[in-house]
Structure formats: structure tokens, C-alpha cells
Amino acid sequence: MKLDPAVIKLLNLDPENTSVSSAGGGGCSSASTSKITSKLSGGTEKCFFMKTGQGKYAEIMFEGEHASLSAIHNAVPTLCPQSFGHGRFSSQPSTSFLVTDFLNLTSRSGRKSGASLAAKLAKLHITPAPIPEGYDKPMFGFPVTTCCGDTPQDNGYKSSWADFYANNRLRFILGRAEKSNGKDKELHDLVETTASKVVARLIGDDHLNNGKGVTPVVVHGDLWSGNASVGIIGANGGDPEDVVYDSSACYAHSEFELGIMKMFGGFGGSFLKEYHQLCPKTEPVDEYEDRVKLYELYHHLNHYALFGGGYKSGAVSIMRSLIRKYGGA
């Protein structure tokens, strides 16, 4: 199988000494995956991982994943594979691609080196997000659209975290859910009450950290246990270490990350204990569990928008409990 000239050019490889083979796991229902192997001039081999997909959606998805991996890699280089770029095949412009370091996954129970996943994630979450181009301070959002599952997210910049979460996440995903499953008055009213009252009360900018608000940090955005593993990144060699991939990043409140981590489990109490020793819970600490529940809500709504069915009941249950506690005038 020959590698498309656009990828050859991006990676500056010798096409005569480069081969492509199938690879497993695309992180998305519409992506195909390949392993690129190239013999370098010194006789060594370099391997890359490539995702390909068709149409505008794939182009958007790969642009978002490239920016996501780059943002994470810039803050904590050993946490995820480096992305080398994305684009369209020159031989088939309807096909888009993303190329990253190849990740050699190994057993989670085997020997590991480097910092733990909890320590790496904590480092990511205590590193302030970069200041976006055209702004004079860090903002909540992201420079490009990112896809959580198959949902292209609205990452338009906001200076207020509460504003971003209420509008760019909750009201936005409600619109996607209604488009997929039809209008549901109960669900609509619950989301609206949550966005207008619970968000202001629980994560308002004048409420968190004793009125100081929160600083935007890079979050993975889709960190369930299936997007974290143990492996060797690229040609780094050495022992395997904790890594993440298939990211859907944005500049957010660090605790937003914990919503999906709680929803699907896989990260035990010892993980959170180590993590919070390095990245302390936001004040007020006694509302921490409810904030994580509020952030978990987004992923229930996203899954309802994508898959329908039982995910609605989980979202309704979370909203009812939060509204009872924080929905007063």
C-alpha cells in the first residue's frame, strides 16, 4: 500500500522506503487507522499512526484532534502522542488524515516508568492555558471545533466559565439532543433551569475560589478509561508509561475533566487521592461532588444526543437532584 504524497510531504519521508499497514482502533466510528513505517537514512525505523476519514466531518474531527493533542503535548509532553499534522490526500481530496506518533500499547499491569497518570493529569490541570491569539488573557473555549464522540462542540471563547458551561456545553448539547430525538418539554425545562440557576449558584465566577473564579487549563475532554492506557510513545524507547489519546480538548475548569471520568469509572480512589494532592479541589470543597455531578451531566446529555435511549434518565436524575439543592431563586 502506497502512502499518499500529501502525507509523504508532511512527514518528509522517502516514499521508496515507506510502507503502510492496517492498525486497530480509530477512536471514532467513521475513522480508519493505519501504521506508517519508514526506514530512515541511518537505517533506523520510524513509525507513525494515521487516521483517515471521508468528508467534511472527518476534516473537522482531525483538525480538532490535532489541536487537542498539541495542546496536551505542549503542557505535558509524555502524556500523549505528538501530532504531526492533518490535511487532505492529494490523490483523493475527499479523504482527510491525521498523523501522530505511533503508540505501542502494552499491558496495564506490566512494568511502567515515568510519572503516574494521576501526576501527569494534575500537571496538565495546574498549568494555565495559553492566551488565545487576539486576546489579552486566558479564555474558556478552544481555537477550533473539537468532537466529543461524534459531536462537534461549540468552543467559542468566553471569559466566564459559568457562561461557557451554560451556553457552549449545556444549552448547546440540548439543541443537539432535540435535533436527534425530538423536543421533550421536561428535558428542555430541566436543562434550562440547570443552566440558568444551578450553574450560576454552583460554578459562578464570583462563587468559586472565594470569588476569584478559576483559571482556564487544558483538559482532555473525553477522558474515560478507554482513552487512557499504558504504552511507549513513538521512538522514545524505554519502559511503557501512562498515556492518553483520542482527546477532545478545551480550555476549561480542571474539574470538568472529572465528569466523564466519574461517569464511566475506571479511575479509583487511589488515583483521585494522588491527583488531588497535586491539584487541590476548588473551593468551596464541600460542593466538589456536586460540581463533578454537574460536569458529568454534559456527557449524559451528549450520549443521549448520540445514542438516545437510557442516557436521558441519567441526565434527568442528575438535574433533579441539583435543582432541588441549588435551583432556588
C-alpha atoms as a PDB file:
ATOM      1  CA  MET A   1       0.000   0.000   0.000  1.00  0.00           C
ATOM      2  CA  LYS A   2       1.451   3.358  -1.066  1.00  0.00           C
ATOM      3  CA  LEU A   3       1.364   6.403   1.161  1.00  0.00           C
ATOM      4  CA  ASP A   4      -0.369   9.466  -0.261  1.00  0.00           C
ATOM      5  CA  PRO A   5       2.033  12.220  -1.432  1.00  0.00           C
ATOM      6  CA  ALA A   6       0.445  14.762   0.963  1.00  0.00           C
ATOM      7  CA  VAL A   7       1.476  12.629   3.946  1.00  0.00           C
ATOM      8  CA  ILE A   8       4.917  11.962   2.461  1.00  0.00           C
ATOM      9  CA  LYS A   9       5.403  15.719   2.147  1.00  0.00           C
ATOM     10  CA  LEU A  10       4.111  16.467   5.651  1.00  0.00           C
ATOM     11  CA  LEU A  11       6.455  13.954   7.278  1.00  0.00           C
ATOM     12  CA  ASN A  12       9.348  14.480   4.836  1.00  0.00           C
ATOM     13  CA  LEU A  13       9.720  10.752   4.187  1.00  0.00           C
ATOM     14  CA  ASP A  14      11.269   8.726   1.366  1.00  0.00           C
ATOM     15  CA  PRO A  15       8.316   7.062  -0.401  1.00  0.00           C
ATOM     16  CA  GLU A  16      10.505   4.195  -1.624  1.00  0.00           C
ATOM     17  CA  ASN A  17      11.360   3.231   1.939  1.00  0.00           C
ATOM     18  CA  THR A  18       7.927   3.789   3.458  1.00  0.00           C
ATOM     19  CA  SER A  19       5.059   1.307   3.847  1.00  0.00           C
ATOM     20  CA  VAL A  20       1.518   1.470   5.231  1.00  0.00           C
ATOM     21  CA  SER A  21      -0.363  -1.309   7.030  1.00  0.00           C
ATOM     22  CA  SER A  22      -3.669  -1.538   8.880  1.00  0.00           C
ATOM     23  CA  ALA A  23      -3.800  -0.639  12.577  1.00  0.00           C
ATOM     24  CA  GLY A  24      -6.559  -1.227  15.106  1.00  0.00           C
ATOM     25  CA  GLY A  25      -8.610   1.332  16.995  1.00  0.00           C
ATOM     26  CA  GLY A  26      -9.734   4.600  15.473  1.00  0.00           C
ATOM     27  CA  GLY A  27     -11.425   6.269  18.421  1.00  0.00           C
ATOM     28  CA  CYS A  28     -14.397   7.106  16.206  1.00  0.00           C
ATOM     29  CA  SER A  29     -16.939   5.124  14.252  1.00  0.00           C
ATOM     30  CA  SER A  30     -16.076   6.830  10.968  1.00  0.00           C
ATOM     31  CA  ALA A  31     -12.258   6.707  11.064  1.00  0.00           C
ATOM     32  CA  SER A  32      -9.919   4.095   9.602  1.00  0.00           C
ATOM     33  CA  THR A  33      -6.445   3.613  11.052  1.00  0.00           C
ATOM     34  CA  SER A  34      -3.032   2.738   9.635  1.00  0.00           C
ATOM     35  CA  LYS A  35       0.565   2.276  10.732  1.00  0.00           C
ATOM     36  CA  ILE A  36       3.198   4.051   8.664  1.00  0.00           C
ATOM     37  CA  THR A  37       6.684   2.523   8.794  1.00  0.00           C
ATOM     38  CA  SER A  38       9.624   4.340   7.209  1.00  0.00           C
ATOM     39  CA  LYS A  39      13.284   3.387   7.037  1.00  0.00           C
ATOM     40  CA  LEU A  40      15.431   6.455   7.682  1.00  0.00           C
ATOM     41  CA  SER A  41      18.780   7.217   6.091  1.00  0.00           C
ATOM     42  CA  GLY A  42      20.687   5.921   9.097  1.00  0.00           C
ATOM     43  CA  GLY A  43      18.995   2.532   8.895  1.00  0.00           C
ATOM     44  CA  THR A  44      16.629   3.081  11.795  1.00  0.00           C
ATOM     45  CA  GLU A  45      12.853   2.795  11.532  1.00  0.00           C
ATOM     46  CA  LYS A  46      10.303   5.462  12.368  1.00  0.00           C
ATOM     47  CA  CYS A  47       6.648   4.593  12.887  1.00  0.00           C
ATOM     48  CA  PHE A  48       3.586   6.833  12.727  1.00  0.00           C
ATOM     49  CA  PHE A  49      -0.118   6.354  13.386  1.00  0.00           C
ATOM     50  CA  MET A  50      -2.587   7.676  10.805  1.00  0.00           C
ATOM     51  CA  LYS A  51      -6.340   8.143  10.910  1.00  0.00           C
ATOM     52  CA  THR A  52      -8.308   8.675   7.717  1.00  0.00           C
ATOM     53  CA  GLY A  53     -11.938   9.545   7.074  1.00  0.00           C
ATOM     54  CA  GLN A  54     -14.273  10.877   4.428  1.00  0.00           C
ATOM     55  CA  GLY A  55     -15.945  14.251   4.027  1.00  0.00           C
ATOM     56  CA  LYS A  56     -16.226  17.498   5.954  1.00  0.00           C
ATOM     57  CA  TYR A  57     -16.881  15.872   9.329  1.00  0.00           C
ATOM     58  CA  ALA A  58     -13.601  13.932   9.230  1.00  0.00           C
ATOM     59  CA  GLU A  59     -11.742  17.123   8.326  1.00  0.00           C
ATOM     60  CA  ILE A  60     -13.256  18.929  11.316  1.00  0.00           C
ATOM     61  CA  MET A  61     -12.625  15.981  13.639  1.00  0.00           C
ATOM     62  CA  PHE A  62      -8.960  15.625  12.674  1.00  0.00           C
ATOM     63  CA  GLU A  63      -8.291  19.357  12.927  1.00  0.00           C
ATOM     64  CA  GLY A  64      -9.749  19.257  16.442  1.00  0.00           C
ATOM     65  CA  GLU A  65      -7.812  16.195  17.494  1.00  0.00           C
ATOM     66  CA  HIS A  66      -4.553  17.633  16.125  1.00  0.00           C
ATOM     67  CA  ALA A  67      -5.069  20.832  18.128  1.00  0.00           C
ATOM     68  CA  SER A  68      -6.101  18.826  21.203  1.00  0.00           C
ATOM     69  CA  LEU A  69      -3.073  16.548  21.189  1.00  0.00           C
ATOM     70  CA  SER A  70      -0.804  19.532  20.523  1.00  0.00           C
ATOM     71  CA  ALA A  71      -2.239  21.456  23.485  1.00  0.00           C
ATOM     72  CA  ILE A  72      -1.793  18.488  25.825  1.00  0.00           C
ATOM     73  CA  HIS A  73       1.661  17.640  24.454  1.00  0.00           C
ATOM     74  CA  ASN A  74       2.836  21.231  24.842  1.00  0.00           C
ATOM     75  CA  ALA A  75       1.928  21.183  28.538  1.00  0.00           C
ATOM     76  CA  VAL A  76       2.915  17.594  29.430  1.00  0.00           C
ATOM     77  CA  PRO A  77       4.912  16.014  26.555  1.00  0.00           C
ATOM     78  CA  THR A  78       4.858  12.452  27.935  1.00  0.00           C
ATOM     79  CA  LEU A  79       1.084  12.361  28.450  1.00  0.00           C
ATOM     80  CA  CYS A  80       0.011  11.792  24.839  1.00  0.00           C
ATOM     81  CA  PRO A  81       1.372  11.065  21.368  1.00  0.00           C
ATOM     82  CA  GLN A  82       2.619  14.075  19.425  1.00  0.00           C
ATOM     83  CA  SER A  83       0.515  15.046  16.428  1.00  0.00           C
ATOM     84  CA  PHE A  84       2.469  15.929  13.291  1.00  0.00           C
ATOM     85  CA  GLY A  85      -0.382  17.386  11.291  1.00  0.00           C
ATOM     86  CA  HIS A  86      -3.594  16.842   9.380  1.00  0.00           C
ATOM     87  CA  GLY A  87      -4.858  17.560   5.884  1.00  0.00           C
ATOM     88  CA  ARG A  88      -6.358  16.010   2.763  1.00  0.00           C
ATOM     89  CA  PHE A  89      -4.922  13.372   0.476  1.00  0.00           C
ATOM     90  CA  SER A  90      -3.677  14.916  -2.740  1.00  0.00           C
ATOM     91  CA  SER A  91      -4.718  11.819  -4.702  1.00  0.00           C
ATOM     92  CA  GLN A  92      -8.195  11.781  -3.144  1.00  0.00           C
ATOM     93  CA  PRO A  93      -9.178  15.195  -1.750  1.00  0.00           C
ATOM     94  CA  SER A  94     -12.372  13.836  -0.158  1.00  0.00           C
ATOM     95  CA  THR A  95     -10.194  11.825   2.257  1.00  0.00           C
ATOM     96  CA  SER A  96      -8.803  13.627   5.310  1.00  0.00           C
ATOM     97  CA  PHE A  97      -5.971  12.391   7.512  1.00  0.00           C
ATOM     98  CA  LEU A  98      -4.315  12.910  10.887  1.00  0.00           C
ATOM     99  CA  VAL A  99      -0.781  11.671  11.654  1.00  0.00           C
ATOM    100  CA  THR A 100       0.646  11.192  15.154  1.00  0.00           C
ATOM    101  CA  ASP A 101       3.447   9.314  16.854  1.00  0.00           C
ATOM    102  CA  PHE A 102       2.789   5.585  16.871  1.00  0.00           C
ATOM    103  CA  LEU A 103       1.728   4.389  20.317  1.00  0.00           C
ATOM    104  CA  ASN A 104       2.843   0.885  21.256  1.00  0.00           C
ATOM    105  CA  LEU A 105       0.256  -0.159  23.835  1.00  0.00           C
ATOM    106  CA  THR A 106       1.285  -2.688  26.481  1.00  0.00           C
ATOM    107  CA  SER A 107      -0.239  -4.378  29.490  1.00  0.00           C
ATOM    108  CA  ARG A 108      -1.578  -2.073  32.201  1.00  0.00           C
ATOM    109  CA  SER A 109      -0.213  -4.478  34.804  1.00  0.00           C
ATOM    110  CA  GLY A 110       3.312  -4.598  33.406  1.00  0.00           C
ATOM    111  CA  ARG A 111       6.371  -2.567  34.316  1.00  0.00           C
ATOM    112  CA  LYS A 112       5.976   1.207  33.983  1.00  0.00           C
ATOM    113  CA  SER A 113       8.290   4.190  34.145  1.00  0.00           C
ATOM    114  CA  GLY A 114       7.796   7.923  34.410  1.00  0.00           C
ATOM    115  CA  ALA A 115       5.146   9.832  36.305  1.00  0.00           C
ATOM    116  CA  SER A 116       1.777   8.243  37.024  1.00  0.00           C
ATOM    117  CA  LEU A 117      -1.339   9.168  35.077  1.00  0.00           C
ATOM    118  CA  ALA A 118      -2.638  10.999  38.159  1.00  0.00           C
ATOM    119  CA  ALA A 119       0.556  13.070  38.390  1.00  0.00           C
ATOM    120  CA  LYS A 120       0.602  13.859  34.653  1.00  0.00           C
ATOM    121  CA  LEU A 121      -3.055  14.857  34.625  1.00  0.00           C
ATOM    122  CA  ALA A 122      -2.533  17.008  37.698  1.00  0.00           C
ATOM    123  CA  LYS A 123       0.371  18.762  35.982  1.00  0.00           C
ATOM    124  CA  LEU A 124      -1.840  19.413  32.955  1.00  0.00           C
ATOM    125  CA  HIS A 125      -4.535  20.848  35.215  1.00  0.00           C
ATOM    126  CA  ILE A 126      -2.301  23.211  37.166  1.00  0.00           C
ATOM    127  CA  THR A 127      -0.713  24.643  34.012  1.00  0.00           C
ATOM    128  CA  PRO A 128      -2.594  27.777  32.887  1.00  0.00           C
ATOM    129  CA  ALA A 129      -3.951  27.575  29.340  1.00  0.00           C
ATOM    130  CA  PRO A 130      -2.209  29.733  26.733  1.00  0.00           C
ATOM    131  CA  ILE A 131      -3.624  33.137  25.855  1.00  0.00           C
ATOM    132  CA  PRO A 132      -5.536  32.781  22.565  1.00  0.00           C
ATOM    133  CA  GLU A 133      -4.487  34.862  19.605  1.00  0.00           C
ATOM    134  CA  GLY A 134      -6.252  38.214  19.672  1.00  0.00           C
ATOM    135  CA  TYR A 135      -6.916  38.164  23.430  1.00  0.00           C
ATOM    136  CA  ASP A 136      -5.007  39.603  26.365  1.00  0.00           C
ATOM    137  CA  LYS A 137      -5.775  36.867  28.904  1.00  0.00           C
ATOM    138  CA  PRO A 138      -6.595  33.136  29.002  1.00  0.00           C
ATOM    139  CA  MET A 139     -10.140  32.332  27.887  1.00  0.00           C
ATOM    140  CA  PHE A 140     -12.532  29.414  28.192  1.00  0.00           C
ATOM    141  CA  GLY A 141     -13.042  27.608  24.881  1.00  0.00           C
ATOM    142  CA  PHE A 142     -10.636  26.416  22.192  1.00  0.00           C
ATOM    143  CA  PRO A 143      -9.257  27.753  18.899  1.00  0.00           C
ATOM    144  CA  VAL A 144     -11.004  25.078  16.802  1.00  0.00           C
ATOM    145  CA  THR A 145     -14.026  22.789  16.924  1.00  0.00           C
ATOM    146  CA  THR A 146     -13.406  19.511  18.742  1.00  0.00           C
ATOM    147  CA  CYS A 147     -15.510  16.353  18.600  1.00  0.00           C
ATOM    148  CA  CYS A 148     -16.621  14.516  21.746  1.00  0.00           C
ATOM    149  CA  GLY A 149     -17.608  11.177  20.312  1.00  0.00           C
ATOM    150  CA  ASP A 150     -19.281  12.214  17.068  1.00  0.00           C
ATOM    151  CA  THR A 151     -20.481  15.577  18.431  1.00  0.00           C
ATOM    152  CA  PRO A 152     -18.721  18.673  17.014  1.00  0.00           C
ATOM    153  CA  GLN A 153     -18.606  21.029  20.008  1.00  0.00           C
ATOM    154  CA  ASP A 154     -19.036  24.789  20.171  1.00  0.00           C
ATOM    155  CA  ASN A 155     -15.750  26.087  21.572  1.00  0.00           C
ATOM    156  CA  GLY A 156     -16.330  29.810  21.018  1.00  0.00           C
ATOM    157  CA  TYR A 157     -14.343  31.798  23.561  1.00  0.00           C
ATOM    158  CA  LYS A 158     -15.924  33.135  26.745  1.00  0.00           C
ATOM    159  CA  SER A 159     -14.254  34.999  29.593  1.00  0.00           C
ATOM    160  CA  SER A 160     -16.684  33.444  32.087  1.00  0.00           C
ATOM    161  CA  TRP A 161     -16.546  29.728  32.892  1.00  0.00           C
ATOM    162  CA  ALA A 162     -20.189  29.717  34.020  1.00  0.00           C
ATOM    163  CA  ASP A 163     -21.213  31.376  30.747  1.00  0.00           C
ATOM    164  CA  PHE A 164     -19.197  28.872  28.718  1.00  0.00           C
ATOM    165  CA  TYR A 165     -20.563  25.838  30.531  1.00  0.00           C
ATOM    166  CA  ALA A 166     -24.177  27.008  30.497  1.00  0.00           C
ATOM    167  CA  ASN A 167     -24.210  28.024  26.834  1.00  0.00           C
ATOM    168  CA  ASN A 168     -21.394  26.253  24.956  1.00  0.00           C
ATOM    169  CA  ARG A 169     -21.988  22.949  26.699  1.00  0.00           C
ATOM    170  CA  LEU A 170     -25.445  22.522  28.314  1.00  0.00           C
ATOM    171  CA  ARG A 171     -27.686  24.594  26.028  1.00  0.00           C
ATOM    172  CA  PHE A 172     -25.647  23.581  23.008  1.00  0.00           C
ATOM    173  CA  ILE A 173     -25.962  19.840  23.687  1.00  0.00           C
ATOM    174  CA  LEU A 174     -29.661  20.238  24.464  1.00  0.00           C
ATOM    175  CA  GLY A 175     -30.074  21.574  20.936  1.00  0.00           C
ATOM    176  CA  ARG A 176     -28.215  18.568  19.534  1.00  0.00           C
ATOM    177  CA  ALA A 177     -30.337  16.178  21.622  1.00  0.00           C
ATOM    178  CA  GLU A 178     -33.574  17.795  20.449  1.00  0.00           C
ATOM    179  CA  LYS A 179     -32.433  17.596  16.844  1.00  0.00           C
ATOM    180  CA  SER A 180     -31.668  13.884  17.245  1.00  0.00           C
ATOM    181  CA  ASN A 181     -34.574  12.783  19.437  1.00  0.00           C
ATOM    182  CA  GLY A 182     -37.246  15.447  19.073  1.00  0.00           C
ATOM    183  CA  LYS A 183     -38.465  18.059  21.566  1.00  0.00           C
ATOM    184  CA  ASP A 184     -39.010  16.939  25.141  1.00  0.00           C
ATOM    185  CA  LYS A 185     -40.550  19.622  27.359  1.00  0.00           C
ATOM    186  CA  GLU A 186     -39.445  18.060  30.640  1.00  0.00           C
ATOM    187  CA  LEU A 187     -35.859  17.676  29.487  1.00  0.00           C
ATOM    188  CA  HIS A 188     -35.805  21.158  27.946  1.00  0.00           C
ATOM    189  CA  ASP A 189     -37.116  22.796  31.125  1.00  0.00           C
ATOM    190  CA  LEU A 190     -34.708  20.870  33.351  1.00  0.00           C
ATOM    191  CA  VAL A 191     -31.686  21.855  31.238  1.00  0.00           C
ATOM    192  CA  GLU A 192     -32.827  25.478  31.125  1.00  0.00           C
ATOM    193  CA  THR A 193     -33.282  25.620  34.908  1.00  0.00           C
ATOM    194  CA  THR A 194     -29.911  23.957  35.415  1.00  0.00           C
ATOM    195  CA  ALA A 195     -28.167  26.338  33.014  1.00  0.00           C
ATOM    196  CA  SER A 196     -29.805  29.478  34.393  1.00  0.00           C
ATOM    197  CA  LYS A 197     -29.900  28.728  38.134  1.00  0.00           C
ATOM    198  CA  VAL A 198     -27.716  25.785  39.158  1.00  0.00           C
ATOM    199  CA  VAL A 199     -24.721  26.851  37.065  1.00  0.00           C
ATOM    200  CA  ALA A 200     -24.767  30.384  38.488  1.00  0.00           C
ATOM    201  CA  ARG A 201     -25.096  29.107  42.050  1.00  0.00           C
ATOM    202  CA  LEU A 202     -22.635  26.222  41.857  1.00  0.00           C
ATOM    203  CA  ILE A 203     -19.892  27.357  39.451  1.00  0.00           C
ATOM    204  CA  GLY A 204     -20.490  31.096  39.199  1.00  0.00           C
ATOM    205  CA  ASP A 205     -17.328  33.140  38.676  1.00  0.00           C
ATOM    206  CA  ASP A 206     -17.948  35.119  41.864  1.00  0.00           C
ATOM    207  CA  HIS A 207     -18.513  31.913  43.832  1.00  0.00           C
ATOM    208  CA  LEU A 208     -15.582  29.640  43.020  1.00  0.00           C
ATOM    209  CA  ASN A 209     -12.303  30.071  44.893  1.00  0.00           C
ATOM    210  CA  ASN A 210     -13.762  32.662  47.257  1.00  0.00           C
ATOM    211  CA  GLY A 211     -14.782  34.950  44.423  1.00  0.00           C
ATOM    212  CA  LYS A 212     -11.545  34.672  42.460  1.00  0.00           C
ATOM    213  CA  GLY A 213     -13.024  32.269  39.891  1.00  0.00           C
ATOM    214  CA  VAL A 214     -10.976  29.595  38.097  1.00  0.00           C
ATOM    215  CA  THR A 215      -8.100  29.782  35.648  1.00  0.00           C
ATOM    216  CA  PRO A 216      -8.602  28.030  32.294  1.00  0.00           C
ATOM    217  CA  VAL A 217      -6.468  24.921  31.850  1.00  0.00           C
ATOM    218  CA  VAL A 218      -6.234  22.366  29.054  1.00  0.00           C
ATOM    219  CA  VAL A 219      -8.477  19.357  29.654  1.00  0.00           C
ATOM    220  CA  HIS A 220      -8.517  16.145  27.621  1.00  0.00           C
ATOM    221  CA  GLY A 221     -12.286  16.464  27.371  1.00  0.00           C
ATOM    222  CA  ASP A 222     -13.196  12.816  26.764  1.00  0.00           C
ATOM    223  CA  LEU A 223     -11.139  11.002  29.379  1.00  0.00           C
ATOM    224  CA  TRP A 224     -12.997   7.777  30.034  1.00  0.00           C
ATOM    225  CA  SER A 225     -10.952   4.676  30.817  1.00  0.00           C
ATOM    226  CA  GLY A 226     -10.935   3.582  27.153  1.00  0.00           C
ATOM    227  CA  ASN A 227      -8.931   6.678  26.220  1.00  0.00           C
ATOM    228  CA  ALA A 228      -6.146   6.017  28.735  1.00  0.00           C
ATOM    229  CA  SER A 229      -3.660   3.165  28.733  1.00  0.00           C
ATOM    230  CA  VAL A 230      -0.011   2.201  29.119  1.00  0.00           C
ATOM    231  CA  GLY A 231       2.416   2.276  26.231  1.00  0.00           C
ATOM    232  CA  ILE A 232       5.573   3.529  24.562  1.00  0.00           C
ATOM    233  CA  ILE A 233       5.200   6.693  22.506  1.00  0.00           C
ATOM    234  CA  GLY A 234       6.965   6.737  19.151  1.00  0.00           C
ATOM    235  CA  ALA A 235      10.673   6.055  19.148  1.00  0.00           C
ATOM    236  CA  ASN A 236      11.224   7.187  22.731  1.00  0.00           C
ATOM    237  CA  GLY A 237      12.107   3.640  23.764  1.00  0.00           C
ATOM    238  CA  GLY A 238      12.446   2.687  27.389  1.00  0.00           C
ATOM    239  CA  ASP A 239       9.695   1.309  29.575  1.00  0.00           C
ATOM    240  CA  PRO A 240       5.984   1.892  28.940  1.00  0.00           C
ATOM    241  CA  GLU A 241       4.251   4.688  30.798  1.00  0.00           C
ATOM    242  CA  ASP A 242       0.762   6.070  31.368  1.00  0.00           C
ATOM    243  CA  VAL A 243      -0.654   7.805  28.291  1.00  0.00           C
ATOM    244  CA  VAL A 244      -3.921   9.245  26.950  1.00  0.00           C
ATOM    245  CA  TYR A 245      -5.238   9.666  23.396  1.00  0.00           C
ATOM    246  CA  ASP A 246      -8.376  10.442  21.328  1.00  0.00           C
ATOM    247  CA  SER A 247      -8.646  13.806  23.055  1.00  0.00           C
ATOM    248  CA  SER A 248     -11.358  16.437  22.676  1.00  0.00           C
ATOM    249  CA  ALA A 249      -9.626  19.303  24.421  1.00  0.00           C
ATOM    250  CA  CYS A 250     -10.754  22.729  25.504  1.00  0.00           C
ATOM    251  CA  TYR A 251      -9.642  25.391  27.964  1.00  0.00           C
ATOM    252  CA  ALA A 252     -11.859  24.735  30.967  1.00  0.00           C
ATOM    253  CA  HIS A 253     -12.194  24.374  34.727  1.00  0.00           C
ATOM    254  CA  SER A 254      -9.923  21.477  35.702  1.00  0.00           C
ATOM    255  CA  GLU A 255     -12.780  19.666  37.459  1.00  0.00           C
ATOM    256  CA  PHE A 256     -14.729  19.476  34.189  1.00  0.00           C
ATOM    257  CA  GLU A 257     -12.372  16.611  33.296  1.00  0.00           C
ATOM    258  CA  LEU A 258     -13.632  14.579  36.234  1.00  0.00           C
ATOM    259  CA  GLY A 259     -17.243  14.431  34.998  1.00  0.00           C
ATOM    260  CA  ILE A 260     -16.739  11.766  32.347  1.00  0.00           C
ATOM    261  CA  MET A 261     -14.086  10.036  34.448  1.00  0.00           C
ATOM    262  CA  LYS A 262     -16.752   9.524  37.134  1.00  0.00           C
ATOM    263  CA  MET A 263     -19.485   8.591  34.649  1.00  0.00           C
ATOM    264  CA  PHE A 264     -17.674   5.549  33.275  1.00  0.00           C
ATOM    265  CA  GLY A 265     -15.390   4.738  36.187  1.00  0.00           C
ATOM    266  CA  GLY A 266     -12.016   3.086  35.749  1.00  0.00           C
ATOM    267  CA  PHE A 267     -10.204   5.658  37.900  1.00  0.00           C
ATOM    268  CA  GLY A 268     -10.250   4.527  41.519  1.00  0.00           C
ATOM    269  CA  GLY A 269      -9.983   6.282  44.837  1.00  0.00           C
ATOM    270  CA  SER A 270      -6.194   5.983  44.970  1.00  0.00           C
ATOM    271  CA  PHE A 271      -5.985   7.761  41.599  1.00  0.00           C
ATOM    272  CA  LEU A 272      -8.083  10.687  42.846  1.00  0.00           C
ATOM    273  CA  LYS A 273      -6.216  10.858  46.143  1.00  0.00           C
ATOM    274  CA  GLU A 274      -2.871  11.212  44.354  1.00  0.00           C
ATOM    275  CA  TYR A 275      -4.354  13.607  41.788  1.00  0.00           C
ATOM    276  CA  HIS A 276      -5.869  15.937  44.397  1.00  0.00           C
ATOM    277  CA  GLN A 277      -2.670  16.029  46.433  1.00  0.00           C
ATOM    278  CA  LEU A 278      -1.136  17.733  43.404  1.00  0.00           C
ATOM    279  CA  CYS A 279      -4.218  19.517  42.031  1.00  0.00           C
ATOM    280  CA  PRO A 280      -6.361  20.513  45.030  1.00  0.00           C
ATOM    281  CA  LYS A 281     -10.144  20.595  44.872  1.00  0.00           C
ATOM    282  CA  THR A 282     -11.583  24.007  44.039  1.00  0.00           C
ATOM    283  CA  GLU A 283     -13.169  25.998  46.861  1.00  0.00           C
ATOM    284  CA  PRO A 284     -15.769  25.521  48.216  1.00  0.00           C
ATOM    285  CA  VAL A 285     -14.539  21.974  48.732  1.00  0.00           C
ATOM    286  CA  ASP A 286     -17.833  20.820  50.262  1.00  0.00           C
ATOM    287  CA  GLU A 287     -19.546  21.367  46.885  1.00  0.00           C
ATOM    288  CA  TYR A 288     -16.935  19.405  44.932  1.00  0.00           C
ATOM    289  CA  GLU A 289     -19.072  16.278  44.450  1.00  0.00           C
ATOM    290  CA  ASP A 290     -21.978  18.344  43.149  1.00  0.00           C
ATOM    291  CA  ARG A 291     -19.732  20.216  40.702  1.00  0.00           C
ATOM    292  CA  VAL A 292     -18.445  16.915  39.322  1.00  0.00           C
ATOM    293  CA  LYS A 293     -22.055  15.730  39.031  1.00  0.00           C
ATOM    294  CA  LEU A 294     -22.904  18.912  37.104  1.00  0.00           C
ATOM    295  CA  TYR A 295     -19.992  18.257  34.745  1.00  0.00           C
ATOM    296  CA  GLU A 296     -21.000  14.595  34.358  1.00  0.00           C
ATOM    297  CA  LEU A 297     -24.405  15.849  33.186  1.00  0.00           C
ATOM    298  CA  TYR A 298     -22.940  17.140  29.922  1.00  0.00           C
ATOM    299  CA  HIS A 299     -21.749  13.672  28.965  1.00  0.00           C
ATOM    300  CA  HIS A 300     -25.121  12.074  29.771  1.00  0.00           C
ATOM    301  CA  LEU A 301     -26.744  14.647  27.503  1.00  0.00           C
ATOM    302  CA  ASN A 302     -24.119  14.096  24.803  1.00  0.00           C
ATOM    303  CA  HIS A 303     -24.669  10.342  24.907  1.00  0.00           C
ATOM    304  CA  TYR A 304     -28.435  10.919  24.735  1.00  0.00           C
ATOM    305  CA  ALA A 305     -27.904  13.150  21.695  1.00  0.00           C
ATOM    306  CA  LEU A 306     -25.737  10.481  20.057  1.00  0.00           C
ATOM    307  CA  PHE A 307     -27.448   7.273  21.107  1.00  0.00           C
ATOM    308  CA  GLY A 308     -30.850   8.153  22.638  1.00  0.00           C
ATOM    309  CA  GLY A 309     -32.340   5.597  24.989  1.00  0.00           C
ATOM    310  CA  GLY A 310     -31.444   5.309  28.643  1.00  0.00           C
ATOM    311  CA  TYR A 311     -28.978   8.178  28.808  1.00  0.00           C
ATOM    312  CA  LYS A 312     -31.902  10.600  29.204  1.00  0.00           C
ATOM    313  CA  SER A 313     -32.875   9.114  32.574  1.00  0.00           C
ATOM    314  CA  GLY A 314     -29.363   9.599  33.933  1.00  0.00           C
ATOM    315  CA  ALA A 315     -29.382  13.247  32.849  1.00  0.00           C
ATOM    316  CA  VAL A 316     -32.839  13.846  34.341  1.00  0.00           C
ATOM    317  CA  SER A 317     -31.817  12.272  37.645  1.00  0.00           C
ATOM    318  CA  ILE A 318     -28.725  14.479  37.947  1.00  0.00           C
ATOM    319  CA  MET A 319     -30.643  17.661  37.095  1.00  0.00           C
ATOM    320  CA  ARG A 320     -33.489  16.956  39.503  1.00  0.00           C
ATOM    321  CA  SER A 321     -31.074  16.379  42.389  1.00  0.00           C
ATOM    322  CA  LEU A 322     -29.044  19.514  41.611  1.00  0.00           C
ATOM    323  CA  ILE A 323     -32.133  21.689  41.117  1.00  0.00           C
ATOM    324  CA  ARG A 324     -33.550  20.533  44.468  1.00  0.00           C
ATOM    325  CA  LYS A 325     -30.331  21.607  46.141  1.00  0.00           C
ATOM    326  CA  TYR A 326     -29.265  24.679  44.148  1.00  0.00           C
ATOM    327  CA  GLY A 327     -32.227  25.723  41.988  1.00  0.00           C
ATOM    328  CA  GLY A 328     -33.774  28.222  44.381  1.00  0.00           C
ATOM    329  CA  ALA A 329     -34.299  31.803  43.274  1.00  0.00           C
END
